[in-house]
């Protein structure tokens, strides 16, 4: 797969790429609050694809994110990583 940058209609392009997946989807994002994109991940997981999602375990995802447990119930894997806001060690 060749990388293609998009600067407009990003949600549209992401949704199309997710829908085209037929083996696996690995996504690592800070926040996922878009219900339509999350629903595509859940649907793909239900179809038997290897869907793995990494998100930050913070207030935004806990309060505004989708019901992440739905992905796990559909066969996907969810990983939550600790937020390191304010940690300047790099």
C-alpha atoms as a PDB file:
ATOM      1  CA  UNK A   1       0.000   0.000   0.000  1.00  0.00           C
ATOM      2  CA  UNK A   2       1.385   3.351  -0.987  1.00  0.00           C
ATOM      3  CA  UNK A   3       0.991   6.285   1.426  1.00  0.00           C
ATOM      4  CA  UNK A   4      -1.299   9.047   0.217  1.00  0.00           C
ATOM      5  CA  UNK A   5      -1.630  12.336   2.134  1.00  0.00           C
ATOM      6  CA  UNK A   6      -5.027  14.034   2.316  1.00  0.00           C
ATOM      7  CA  UNK A   7      -5.648  17.587   3.413  1.00  0.00           C
ATOM      8  CA  UNK A   8      -9.373  17.876   2.647  1.00  0.00           C
ATOM      9  CA  UNK A   9     -12.302  15.580   3.361  1.00  0.00           C
ATOM     10  CA  UNK A  10     -10.141  13.547   5.712  1.00  0.00           C
ATOM     11  CA  UNK A  11     -13.042  11.710   7.368  1.00  0.00           C
ATOM     12  CA  UNK A  12     -14.340  10.665   3.937  1.00  0.00           C
ATOM     13  CA  UNK A  13     -10.949   9.278   2.908  1.00  0.00           C
ATOM     14  CA  UNK A  14     -10.428   7.488   6.219  1.00  0.00           C
ATOM     15  CA  UNK A  15     -13.854   5.871   5.983  1.00  0.00           C
ATOM     16  CA  UNK A  16     -13.169   4.706   2.429  1.00  0.00           C
ATOM     17  CA  UNK A  17      -9.810   3.182   3.360  1.00  0.00           C
ATOM     18  CA  UNK A  18     -11.315   1.418   6.376  1.00  0.00           C
ATOM     19  CA  UNK A  19     -14.127   0.016   4.235  1.00  0.00           C
ATOM     20  CA  UNK A  20     -11.601  -1.328   1.706  1.00  0.00           C
ATOM     21  CA  UNK A  21      -9.689  -3.298   4.359  1.00  0.00           C
ATOM     22  CA  UNK A  22     -10.102  -7.050   3.991  1.00  0.00           C
ATOM     23  CA  UNK A  23      -7.541  -8.624   6.353  1.00  0.00           C
ATOM     24  CA  UNK A  24      -6.598  -6.296   9.211  1.00  0.00           C
ATOM     25  CA  UNK A  25      -6.865  -2.760  10.534  1.00  0.00           C
ATOM     26  CA  UNK A  26      -4.303  -1.476  13.026  1.00  0.00           C
ATOM     27  CA  UNK A  27      -4.973   2.064  14.234  1.00  0.00           C
ATOM     28  CA  UNK A  28      -3.170   4.143  16.832  1.00  0.00           C
ATOM     29  CA  UNK A  29      -4.773   7.506  17.552  1.00  0.00           C
ATOM     30  CA  UNK A  30      -4.807   9.850  20.491  1.00  0.00           C
ATOM     31  CA  UNK A  31      -8.570  10.316  20.388  1.00  0.00           C
ATOM     32  CA  UNK A  32     -11.389   8.642  18.535  1.00  0.00           C
ATOM     33  CA  UNK A  33     -14.686  10.436  19.026  1.00  0.00           C
ATOM     34  CA  UNK A  34     -16.160   9.947  15.547  1.00  0.00           C
ATOM     35  CA  UNK A  35     -18.992   7.430  15.848  1.00  0.00           C
ATOM     36  CA  UNK A  36     -19.165   6.665  12.120  1.00  0.00           C
ATOM     37  CA  UNK A  37     -15.472   5.714  11.916  1.00  0.00           C
ATOM     38  CA  UNK A  38     -15.756   3.654  15.087  1.00  0.00           C
ATOM     39  CA  UNK A  39     -18.799   1.848  13.690  1.00  0.00           C
ATOM     40  CA  UNK A  40     -16.784   0.887  10.616  1.00  0.00           C
ATOM     41  CA  UNK A  41     -14.099  -0.597  12.881  1.00  0.00           C
ATOM     42  CA  UNK A  42     -16.751  -2.576  14.756  1.00  0.00           C
ATOM     43  CA  UNK A  43     -18.331  -3.804  11.522  1.00  0.00           C
ATOM     44  CA  UNK A  44     -14.983  -4.896  10.135  1.00  0.00           C
ATOM     45  CA  UNK A  45     -14.237  -6.727  13.358  1.00  0.00           C
ATOM     46  CA  UNK A  46     -17.585  -8.515  13.126  1.00  0.00           C
ATOM     47  CA  UNK A  47     -16.651  -9.554   9.569  1.00  0.00           C
ATOM     48  CA  UNK A  48     -13.640 -11.357  11.015  1.00  0.00           C
ATOM     49  CA  UNK A  49     -10.892  -8.854  10.277  1.00  0.00           C
ATOM     50  CA  UNK A  50      -8.083  -8.439  12.786  1.00  0.00           C
ATOM     51  CA  UNK A  51      -8.984  -5.001  14.161  1.00  0.00           C
ATOM     52  CA  UNK A  52      -6.704  -3.489  16.779  1.00  0.00           C
ATOM     53  CA  UNK A  53      -7.102   0.013  18.174  1.00  0.00           C
ATOM     54  CA  UNK A  54      -4.798   1.973  20.460  1.00  0.00           C
ATOM     55  CA  UNK A  55      -6.148   5.127  22.169  1.00  0.00           C
ATOM     56  CA  UNK A  56      -5.041   7.368  24.994  1.00  0.00           C
ATOM     57  CA  UNK A  57      -6.751   6.575  28.286  1.00  0.00           C
ATOM     58  CA  UNK A  58      -7.763  10.115  29.151  1.00  0.00           C
ATOM     59  CA  UNK A  59     -10.796  12.227  29.969  1.00  0.00           C
ATOM     60  CA  UNK A  60     -11.594  12.981  26.315  1.00  0.00           C
ATOM     61  CA  UNK A  61     -11.863   9.325  25.318  1.00  0.00           C
ATOM     62  CA  UNK A  62     -13.618   8.344  28.535  1.00  0.00           C
ATOM     63  CA  UNK A  63     -16.226  11.128  28.305  1.00  0.00           C
ATOM     64  CA  UNK A  64     -16.643  11.716  24.578  1.00  0.00           C
ATOM     65  CA  UNK A  65     -15.410   8.570  22.898  1.00  0.00           C
ATOM     66  CA  UNK A  66     -17.612   5.715  21.726  1.00  0.00           C
ATOM     67  CA  UNK A  67     -18.359   2.650  23.816  1.00  0.00           C
ATOM     68  CA  UNK A  68     -14.979   1.065  23.176  1.00  0.00           C
ATOM     69  CA  UNK A  69     -16.078  -2.210  24.779  1.00  0.00           C
ATOM     70  CA  UNK A  70     -18.315  -2.719  21.737  1.00  0.00           C
ATOM     71  CA  UNK A  71     -15.197  -3.229  19.601  1.00  0.00           C
ATOM     72  CA  UNK A  72     -13.955  -5.911  21.988  1.00  0.00           C
ATOM     73  CA  UNK A  73     -17.395  -7.572  22.053  1.00  0.00           C
ATOM     74  CA  UNK A  74     -17.247  -7.742  18.249  1.00  0.00           C
ATOM     75  CA  UNK A  75     -13.871  -9.516  18.319  1.00  0.00           C
ATOM     76  CA  UNK A  76     -11.540  -6.537  18.048  1.00  0.00           C
ATOM     77  CA  UNK A  77      -8.735  -5.643  20.407  1.00  0.00           C
ATOM     78  CA  UNK A  78      -8.468  -2.389  22.321  1.00  0.00           C
ATOM     79  CA  UNK A  79      -5.361  -1.021  23.985  1.00  0.00           C
ATOM     80  CA  UNK A  80      -5.474   2.046  26.217  1.00  0.00           C
ATOM     81  CA  UNK A  81      -2.222   3.830  26.957  1.00  0.00           C
ATOM     82  CA  UNK A  82      -1.654   6.231  29.800  1.00  0.00           C
ATOM     83  CA  UNK A  83      -1.632   9.913  29.044  1.00  0.00           C
ATOM     84  CA  UNK A  84       1.704  11.574  29.730  1.00  0.00           C
ATOM     85  CA  UNK A  85       0.535  15.186  29.520  1.00  0.00           C
ATOM     86  CA  UNK A  86       3.067  17.412  31.204  1.00  0.00           C
ATOM     87  CA  UNK A  87       5.855  14.853  30.967  1.00  0.00           C
ATOM     88  CA  UNK A  88       8.707  16.607  29.169  1.00  0.00           C
ATOM     89  CA  UNK A  89      11.035  13.602  29.179  1.00  0.00           C
ATOM     90  CA  UNK A  90      11.851  12.708  25.592  1.00  0.00           C
END
